Amino acid sequence: MQEQELYKQLTEIFHDLFDDDTLVLTRELTAAEVPEWDSFNHINLIVAVEGAFKIKFQTAELESLQTVGHLVDLIEKKLAAQGR
């Protein structure tokens, strides 16, 4: 899956979860920059991403996430491991 397609799908997830169609995802975007991105919505985000991409994250992998770019890299790694 190309990075552009990943961002498109992630943008849809973010817009739906945070109920904000003005959010623009960049590699540098952090939770601190999204007012509704609290610990509860972080869990919802991870569950939504796992469902949308049919992948599973390990707790240790999630602890290292700092930006949307890190999340994209991790998704790409998971998809590559599945041959997608």
C-alpha atoms as a PDB file:
ATOM      1  CA  MET A   1       0.000   0.000   0.000  1.00  0.00           C
ATOM      2  CA  GLN A   2       1.385   3.383  -0.938  1.00  0.00           C
ATOM      3  CA  GLU A   3       1.921   6.042   1.720  1.00  0.00           C
ATOM      4  CA  GLN A   4      -0.564   8.369   0.007  1.00  0.00           C
ATOM      5  CA  GLU A   5      -3.298   5.725   0.328  1.00  0.00           C
ATOM      6  CA  LEU A   6      -2.365   5.181   3.985  1.00  0.00           C
ATOM      7  CA  TYR A   7      -2.768   8.879   4.707  1.00  0.00           C
ATOM      8  CA  LYS A   8      -6.099   8.928   2.870  1.00  0.00           C
ATOM      9  CA  GLN A   9      -7.469   6.079   4.993  1.00  0.00           C
ATOM     10  CA  LEU A  10      -5.984   7.511   8.197  1.00  0.00           C
ATOM     11  CA  THR A  11      -7.484  10.906   7.436  1.00  0.00           C
ATOM     12  CA  GLU A  12     -10.928   9.316   7.175  1.00  0.00           C
ATOM     13  CA  ILE A  13     -10.390   7.563  10.522  1.00  0.00           C
ATOM     14  CA  PHE A  14      -9.190  10.779  12.191  1.00  0.00           C
ATOM     15  CA  HIS A  15     -12.079  12.833  10.762  1.00  0.00           C
ATOM     16  CA  ASP A  16     -14.606  10.279  11.982  1.00  0.00           C
ATOM     17  CA  LEU A  17     -13.061   9.656  15.399  1.00  0.00           C
ATOM     18  CA  PHE A  18     -12.347  13.276  16.280  1.00  0.00           C
ATOM     19  CA  ASP A  19     -15.419  14.615  14.452  1.00  0.00           C
ATOM     20  CA  ASP A  20     -13.271  17.247  12.753  1.00  0.00           C
ATOM     21  CA  ASP A  21     -13.156  17.340   8.961  1.00  0.00           C
ATOM     22  CA  THR A  22     -10.564  20.134   9.051  1.00  0.00           C
ATOM     23  CA  LEU A  23      -7.793  17.909  10.449  1.00  0.00           C
ATOM     24  CA  VAL A  24      -4.869  17.627   8.062  1.00  0.00           C
ATOM     25  CA  LEU A  25      -2.511  14.758   8.775  1.00  0.00           C
ATOM     26  CA  THR A  26       1.206  15.369   8.443  1.00  0.00           C
ATOM     27  CA  ARG A  27       4.161  13.237   9.473  1.00  0.00           C
ATOM     28  CA  GLU A  28       4.875  15.701  12.291  1.00  0.00           C
ATOM     29  CA  LEU A  29       1.325  15.879  13.745  1.00  0.00           C
ATOM     30  CA  THR A  30       1.209  14.934  17.446  1.00  0.00           C
ATOM     31  CA  ALA A  31      -1.591  14.186  19.883  1.00  0.00           C
ATOM     32  CA  ALA A  32      -0.914  17.500  21.640  1.00  0.00           C
ATOM     33  CA  GLU A  33      -1.989  19.334  18.474  1.00  0.00           C
ATOM     34  CA  VAL A  34      -5.420  17.658  18.343  1.00  0.00           C
ATOM     35  CA  PRO A  35      -7.642  18.899  21.200  1.00  0.00           C
ATOM     36  CA  GLU A  36      -9.773  15.743  21.419  1.00  0.00           C
ATOM     37  CA  TRP A  37      -6.804  13.333  21.245  1.00  0.00           C
ATOM     38  CA  ASP A  38      -6.723  12.177  24.833  1.00  0.00           C
ATOM     39  CA  SER A  39      -5.815   8.746  26.239  1.00  0.00           C
ATOM     40  CA  PHE A  40      -9.332   7.413  25.690  1.00  0.00           C
ATOM     41  CA  ASN A  41      -9.431   8.526  22.054  1.00  0.00           C
ATOM     42  CA  HIS A  42      -5.900   7.211  21.570  1.00  0.00           C
ATOM     43  CA  ILE A  43      -7.198   3.727  22.378  1.00  0.00           C
ATOM     44  CA  ASN A  44     -10.152   4.259  20.036  1.00  0.00           C
ATOM     45  CA  LEU A  45      -7.755   5.412  17.315  1.00  0.00           C
ATOM     46  CA  ILE A  46      -5.536   2.341  17.658  1.00  0.00           C
ATOM     47  CA  VAL A  47      -8.555   0.005  17.586  1.00  0.00           C
ATOM     48  CA  ALA A  48      -9.923   1.790  14.502  1.00  0.00           C
ATOM     49  CA  VAL A  49      -6.548   1.600  12.725  1.00  0.00           C
ATOM     50  CA  GLU A  50      -6.154  -2.087  13.563  1.00  0.00           C
ATOM     51  CA  GLY A  51      -9.621  -2.793  12.177  1.00  0.00           C
ATOM     52  CA  ALA A  52      -9.232  -0.706   9.043  1.00  0.00           C
ATOM     53  CA  PHE A  53      -5.854  -2.186   8.093  1.00  0.00           C
ATOM     54  CA  LYS A  54      -6.467  -5.655   9.569  1.00  0.00           C
ATOM     55  CA  ILE A  55      -3.316  -5.522  11.678  1.00  0.00           C
ATOM     56  CA  LYS A  56      -2.491  -5.864  15.384  1.00  0.00           C
ATOM     57  CA  PHE A  57      -0.071  -3.710  17.354  1.00  0.00           C
ATOM     58  CA  GLN A  58       2.005  -4.856  20.300  1.00  0.00           C
ATOM     59  CA  THR A  59       1.980  -2.657  23.409  1.00  0.00           C
ATOM     60  CA  ALA A  60       5.721  -2.017  23.103  1.00  0.00           C
ATOM     61  CA  GLU A  61       5.233  -0.755  19.535  1.00  0.00           C
ATOM     62  CA  LEU A  62       2.577   1.713  20.637  1.00  0.00           C
ATOM     63  CA  GLU A  63       4.721   3.126  23.443  1.00  0.00           C
ATOM     64  CA  SER A  64       7.232   4.455  20.914  1.00  0.00           C
ATOM     65  CA  LEU A  65       4.679   6.353  18.800  1.00  0.00           C
ATOM     66  CA  GLN A  66       5.225  10.107  18.914  1.00  0.00           C
ATOM     67  CA  THR A  67       3.765  11.399  15.641  1.00  0.00           C
ATOM     68  CA  VAL A  68       1.402  10.420  12.855  1.00  0.00           C
ATOM     69  CA  GLY A  69       4.523   9.700  10.801  1.00  0.00           C
ATOM     70  CA  HIS A  70       5.601   7.079  13.342  1.00  0.00           C
ATOM     71  CA  LEU A  71       2.140   5.516  13.098  1.00  0.00           C
ATOM     72  CA  VAL A  72       2.329   5.442   9.291  1.00  0.00           C
ATOM     73  CA  ASP A  73       5.775   3.814   9.444  1.00  0.00           C
ATOM     74  CA  LEU A  74       4.484   1.167  11.848  1.00  0.00           C
ATOM     75  CA  ILE A  75       1.442   0.436   9.672  1.00  0.00           C
ATOM     76  CA  GLU A  76       3.700   0.092   6.616  1.00  0.00           C
ATOM     77  CA  LYS A  77       5.941  -2.322   8.544  1.00  0.00           C
ATOM     78  CA  LYS A  78       2.944  -4.434   9.625  1.00  0.00           C
ATOM     79  CA  LEU A  79       1.489  -4.531   6.118  1.00  0.00           C
ATOM     80  CA  ALA A  80       4.863  -5.452   4.603  1.00  0.00           C
ATOM     81  CA  ALA A  81       5.182  -8.324   7.089  1.00  0.00           C
ATOM     82  CA  GLN A  82       1.835  -9.600   5.782  1.00  0.00           C
ATOM     83  CA  GLY A  83       2.969  -9.215   2.182  1.00  0.00           C
ATOM     84  CA  ARG A  84       0.617  -6.325   1.497  1.00  0.00           C
END
